[in-house]
Amino acid sequence: MSCFVKCGTCEAEISVEKCVFATYTKVIDGKERVFCCLRCQQKFLEEQEKEKSKSR
């Protein structure tokens, strides 16, 4: 049985059994986020910055 995690931005399913280096992970606000590609990671970070600037 395969286990999957979802990309934090596009929600693409990523196999946990794949090479760890085939995904992008980043700890943001103490929570580990998983992304399918660098583009999705950058998009998520940009959205986080926009939300932070709105709340200021």
PDB file of N, CA and C in Angstrom:
ATOM      1  N   MET A   1       0.842  -1.182   0.000  1.00  0.00           N
ATOM      2  CA  MET A   1       0.000   0.000   0.000  1.00  0.00           C
ATOM      3  C   MET A   1       0.885   1.242   0.000  1.00  0.00           C
ATOM      4  N   SER A   2       0.609   2.161  -0.896  1.00  0.00           N
ATOM      5  CA  SER A   2       1.395   3.381  -1.009  1.00  0.00           C
ATOM      6  C   SER A   2       0.823   4.462  -0.114  1.00  0.00           C
ATOM      7  N   CYS A   3       1.709   5.266   0.445  1.00  0.00           N
ATOM      8  CA  CYS A   3       1.296   6.417   1.242  1.00  0.00           C
ATOM      9  C   CYS A   3       1.649   7.672   0.462  1.00  0.00           C
ATOM     10  N   PHE A   4       0.789   8.669   0.569  1.00  0.00           N
ATOM     11  CA  PHE A   4       0.996   9.906  -0.151  1.00  0.00           C
ATOM     12  C   PHE A   4       0.867  11.101   0.791  1.00  0.00           C
ATOM     13  N   VAL A   5       1.550  12.171   0.440  1.00  0.00           N
ATOM     14  CA  VAL A   5       1.341  13.473   1.060  1.00  0.00           C
ATOM     15  C   VAL A   5       0.916  14.396  -0.082  1.00  0.00           C
ATOM     16  N   LYS A   6       0.310  15.527   0.249  1.00  0.00           N
ATOM     17  CA  LYS A   6      -0.133  16.458  -0.786  1.00  0.00           C
ATOM     18  C   LYS A   6       0.725  17.704  -0.772  1.00  0.00           C
ATOM     19  N   CYS A   7       0.956  18.222  -1.958  1.00  0.00           N
ATOM     20  CA  CYS A   7       1.684  19.472  -2.111  1.00  0.00           C
ATOM     21  C   CYS A   7       0.928  20.567  -1.376  1.00  0.00           C
ATOM     22  N   GLY A   8       1.629  21.440  -0.674  1.00  0.00           N
ATOM     23  CA  GLY A   8       1.014  22.514   0.086  1.00  0.00           C
ATOM     24  C   GLY A   8       0.356  23.578  -0.765  1.00  0.00           C
ATOM     25  N   THR A   9       0.640  23.598  -2.051  1.00  0.00           N
ATOM     26  CA  THR A   9       0.068  24.614  -2.930  1.00  0.00           C
ATOM     27  C   THR A   9      -0.939  24.030  -3.907  1.00  0.00           C
ATOM     28  N   CYS A  10      -0.518  23.085  -4.730  1.00  0.00           N
ATOM     29  CA  CYS A  10      -1.397  22.573  -5.779  1.00  0.00           C
ATOM     30  C   CYS A  10      -2.095  21.279  -5.384  1.00  0.00           C
ATOM     31  N   GLU A  11      -1.763  20.738  -4.221  1.00  0.00           N
ATOM     32  CA  GLU A  11      -2.351  19.521  -3.674  1.00  0.00           C
ATOM     33  C   GLU A  11      -2.096  18.280  -4.528  1.00  0.00           C
ATOM     34  N   ALA A  12      -1.035  18.290  -5.316  1.00  0.00           N
ATOM     35  CA  ALA A  12      -0.649  17.095  -6.065  1.00  0.00           C
ATOM     36  C   ALA A  12      -0.200  16.032  -5.076  1.00  0.00           C
ATOM     37  N   GLU A  13      -0.560  14.779  -5.344  1.00  0.00           N
ATOM     38  CA  GLU A  13      -0.160  13.693  -4.459  1.00  0.00           C
ATOM     39  C   GLU A  13       1.289  13.322  -4.719  1.00  0.00           C
ATOM     40  N   ILE A  14       2.053  13.192  -3.644  1.00  0.00           N
ATOM     41  CA  ILE A  14       3.469  12.862  -3.725  1.00  0.00           C
ATOM     42  C   ILE A  14       3.682  11.577  -2.949  1.00  0.00           C
ATOM     43  N   SER A  15       4.245  10.574  -3.597  1.00  0.00           N
ATOM     44  CA  SER A  15       4.489   9.292  -2.941  1.00  0.00           C
ATOM     45  C   SER A  15       5.550   9.443  -1.869  1.00  0.00           C
ATOM     46  N   VAL A  16       5.264   8.936  -0.673  1.00  0.00           N
ATOM     47  CA  VAL A  16       6.212   9.003   0.433  1.00  0.00           C
ATOM     48  C   VAL A  16       7.412   8.106   0.143  1.00  0.00           C
ATOM     49  N   GLU A  17       7.196   7.071  -0.671  1.00  0.00           N
ATOM     50  CA  GLU A  17       8.269   6.128  -0.966  1.00  0.00           C
ATOM     51  C   GLU A  17       9.277   6.662  -1.977  1.00  0.00           C
ATOM     52  N   LYS A  18       8.973   7.787  -2.631  1.00  0.00           N
ATOM     53  CA  LYS A  18       9.920   8.384  -3.575  1.00  0.00           C
ATOM     54  C   LYS A  18      11.151   8.869  -2.834  1.00  0.00           C
ATOM     55  N   CYS A  19      12.173   9.114  -3.567  1.00  0.00           N
ATOM     56  CA  CYS A  19      13.399   9.688  -3.005  1.00  0.00           C
ATOM     57  C   CYS A  19      13.067  10.992  -2.280  1.00  0.00           C
ATOM     58  N   VAL A  20      13.634  11.181  -1.111  1.00  0.00           N
ATOM     59  CA  VAL A  20      13.384  12.380  -0.312  1.00  0.00           C
ATOM     60  C   VAL A  20      13.791  13.631  -1.079  1.00  0.00           C
ATOM     61  N   PHE A  21      14.768  13.511  -1.932  1.00  0.00           N
ATOM     62  CA  PHE A  21      15.269  14.666  -2.663  1.00  0.00           C
ATOM     63  C   PHE A  21      14.389  15.024  -3.857  1.00  0.00           C
ATOM     64  N   ALA A  22      13.359  14.212  -4.153  1.00  0.00           N
ATOM     65  CA  ALA A  22      12.466  14.495  -5.271  1.00  0.00           C
ATOM     66  C   ALA A  22      11.354  15.464  -4.875  1.00  0.00           C
ATOM     67  N   THR A  23      11.265  15.803  -3.590  1.00  0.00           N
ATOM     68  CA  THR A  23      10.261  16.757  -3.122  1.00  0.00           C
ATOM     69  C   THR A  23      10.951  17.920  -2.429  1.00  0.00           C
ATOM     70  N   TYR A  24      10.190  18.964  -2.210  1.00  0.00           N
ATOM     71  CA  TYR A  24      10.707  20.136  -1.517  1.00  0.00           C
ATOM     72  C   TYR A  24      10.000  20.243  -0.176  1.00  0.00           C
ATOM     73  N   THR A  25      10.763  20.283   0.889  1.00  0.00           N
ATOM     74  CA  THR A  25      10.185  20.439   2.223  1.00  0.00           C
ATOM     75  C   THR A  25      10.780  21.682   2.871  1.00  0.00           C
ATOM     76  N   LYS A  26       9.964  22.344   3.667  1.00  0.00           N
ATOM     77  CA  LYS A  26      10.422  23.541   4.358  1.00  0.00           C
ATOM     78  C   LYS A  26       9.617  23.677   5.638  1.00  0.00           C
ATOM     79  N   VAL A  27      10.270  24.027   6.729  1.00  0.00           N
ATOM     80  CA  VAL A  27       9.582  24.262   7.990  1.00  0.00           C
ATOM     81  C   VAL A  27       9.171  25.731   8.018  1.00  0.00           C
ATOM     82  N   ILE A  28       7.852  25.966   8.117  1.00  0.00           N
ATOM     83  CA  ILE A  28       7.298  27.311   8.115  1.00  0.00           C
ATOM     84  C   ILE A  28       6.430  27.443   9.357  1.00  0.00           C
ATOM     85  N   ASP A  29       6.765  28.389  10.199  1.00  0.00           N
ATOM     86  CA  ASP A  29       6.030  28.611  11.458  1.00  0.00           C
ATOM     87  C   ASP A  29       5.954  27.332  12.288  1.00  0.00           C
ATOM     88  N   GLY A  30       7.048  26.577  12.315  1.00  0.00           N
ATOM     89  CA  GLY A  30       7.130  25.369  13.129  1.00  0.00           C
ATOM     90  C   GLY A  30       6.442  24.144  12.538  1.00  0.00           C
ATOM     91  N   LYS A  31       5.903  24.247  11.336  1.00  0.00           N
ATOM     92  CA  LYS A  31       5.209  23.128  10.701  1.00  0.00           C
ATOM     93  C   LYS A  31       5.910  22.767   9.399  1.00  0.00           C
ATOM     94  N   GLU A  32       6.192  21.477   9.220  1.00  0.00           N
ATOM     95  CA  GLU A  32       6.849  21.043   7.995  1.00  0.00           C
ATOM     96  C   GLU A  32       5.852  21.042   6.845  1.00  0.00           C
ATOM     97  N   ARG A  33       6.191  21.721   5.773  1.00  0.00           N
ATOM     98  CA  ARG A  33       5.362  21.795   4.572  1.00  0.00           C
ATOM     99  C   ARG A  33       6.057  21.014   3.472  1.00  0.00           C
ATOM    100  N   VAL A  34       5.287  20.329   2.646  1.00  0.00           N
ATOM    101  CA  VAL A  34       5.828  19.527   1.547  1.00  0.00           C
ATOM    102  C   VAL A  34       5.275  20.079   0.241  1.00  0.00           C
ATOM    103  N   PHE A  35       6.158  20.242  -0.744  1.00  0.00           N
ATOM    104  CA  PHE A  35       5.770  20.764  -2.050  1.00  0.00           C
ATOM    105  C   PHE A  35       6.274  19.835  -3.137  1.00  0.00           C
ATOM    106  N   CYS A  36       5.540  19.773  -4.262  1.00  0.00           N
ATOM    107  CA  CYS A  36       5.915  18.881  -5.350  1.00  0.00           C
ATOM    108  C   CYS A  36       7.048  19.454  -6.187  1.00  0.00           C
ATOM    109  N   CYS A  37       7.199  20.784  -6.159  1.00  0.00           N
ATOM    110  CA  CYS A  37       8.242  21.411  -6.970  1.00  0.00           C
ATOM    111  C   CYS A  37       8.630  22.753  -6.350  1.00  0.00           C
ATOM    112  N   LEU A  38       9.719  23.287  -6.804  1.00  0.00           N
ATOM    113  CA  LEU A  38      10.213  24.564  -6.292  1.00  0.00           C
ATOM    114  C   LEU A  38       9.235  25.695  -6.608  1.00  0.00           C
ATOM    115  N   ARG A  39       8.589  25.628  -7.747  1.00  0.00           N
ATOM    116  CA  ARG A  39       7.631  26.667  -8.143  1.00  0.00           C
ATOM    117  C   ARG A  39       6.471  26.759  -7.138  1.00  0.00           C
ATOM    118  N   CYS A  40       5.939  25.603  -6.727  1.00  0.00           N
ATOM    119  CA  CYS A  40       4.845  25.595  -5.748  1.00  0.00           C
ATOM    120  C   CYS A  40       5.327  26.112  -4.399  1.00  0.00           C
ATOM    121  N   GLN A  41       6.554  25.768  -4.031  1.00  0.00           N
ATOM    122  CA  GLN A  41       7.106  26.251  -2.767  1.00  0.00           C
ATOM    123  C   GLN A  41       7.209  27.775  -2.797  1.00  0.00           C
ATOM    124  N   GLN A  42       7.717  28.319  -3.880  1.00  0.00           N
ATOM    125  CA  GLN A  42       7.870  29.771  -3.995  1.00  0.00           C
ATOM    126  C   GLN A  42       6.517  30.470  -4.002  1.00  0.00           C
ATOM    127  N   LYS A  43       5.534  29.876  -4.677  1.00  0.00           N
ATOM    128  CA  LYS A  43       4.193  30.456  -4.724  1.00  0.00           C
ATOM    129  C   LYS A  43       3.580  30.497  -3.320  1.00  0.00           C
ATOM    130  N   PHE A  44       3.746  29.422  -2.563  1.00  0.00           N
ATOM    131  CA  PHE A  44       3.233  29.373  -1.196  1.00  0.00           C
ATOM    132  C   PHE A  44       3.881  30.453  -0.339  1.00  0.00           C
ATOM    133  N   LEU A  45       5.199  30.591  -0.447  1.00  0.00           N
ATOM    134  CA  LEU A  45       5.910  31.592   0.345  1.00  0.00           C
ATOM    135  C   LEU A  45       5.483  33.005  -0.026  1.00  0.00           C
ATOM    136  N   GLU A  46       5.244  33.257  -1.319  1.00  0.00           N
ATOM    137  CA  GLU A  46       4.776  34.571  -1.758  1.00  0.00           C
ATOM    138  C   GLU A  46       3.395  34.871  -1.182  1.00  0.00           C
ATOM    139  N   GLU A  47       2.511  33.867  -1.173  1.00  0.00           N
ATOM    140  CA  GLU A  47       1.174  34.055  -0.609  1.00  0.00           C
ATOM    141  C   GLU A  47       1.247  34.317   0.893  1.00  0.00           C
ATOM    142  N   GLN A  48       2.170  33.646   1.584  1.00  0.00           N
ATOM    143  CA  GLN A  48       2.348  33.864   3.017  1.00  0.00           C
ATOM    144  C   GLN A  48       2.789  35.299   3.280  1.00  0.00           C
ATOM    145  N   GLU A  49       3.701  35.813   2.466  1.00  0.00           N
ATOM    146  CA  GLU A  49       4.181  37.188   2.619  1.00  0.00           C
ATOM    147  C   GLU A  49       3.058  38.196   2.384  1.00  0.00           C
ATOM    148  N   LYS A  50       2.207  37.925   1.369  1.00  0.00           N
ATOM    149  CA  LYS A  50       1.081  38.820   1.096  1.00  0.00           C
ATOM    150  C   LYS A  50       0.124  38.856   2.279  1.00  0.00           C
ATOM    151  N   GLU A  51      -0.155  37.689   2.860  1.00  0.00           N
ATOM    152  CA  GLU A  51      -1.059  37.617   4.005  1.00  0.00           C
ATOM    153  C   GLU A  51      -0.476  38.347   5.219  1.00  0.00           C
ATOM    154  N   LYS A  52       0.822  38.197   5.426  1.00  0.00           N
ATOM    155  CA  LYS A  52       1.462  38.875   6.553  1.00  0.00           C
ATOM    156  C   LYS A  52       1.415  40.389   6.369  1.00  0.00           C
ATOM    157  N   SER A  53       1.636  40.868   5.137  1.00  0.00           N
ATOM    158  CA  SER A  53       1.634  42.315   4.905  1.00  0.00           C
ATOM    159  C   SER A  53       0.215  42.895   5.021  1.00  0.00           C
ATOM    160  N   LYS A  54      -0.815  42.103   4.710  1.00  0.00           N
ATOM    161  CA  LYS A  54      -2.194  42.556   4.861  1.00  0.00           C
ATOM    162  C   LYS A  54      -2.591  42.693   6.316  1.00  0.00           C
ATOM    163  N   SER A  55      -2.072  41.787   7.157  1.00  0.00           N
ATOM    164  CA  SER A  55      -2.449  41.793   8.567  1.00  0.00           C
ATOM    165  C   SER A  55      -1.705  42.855   9.375  1.00  0.00           C
ATOM    166  N   ARG A  56      -0.741  43.496   8.800  1.00  0.00           N
ATOM    167  CA  ARG A  56       0.037  44.529   9.515  1.00  0.00           C
ATOM    168  C   ARG A  56      -0.648  45.844   9.520  1.00  0.00           C
TER     169      ARG A  56
END
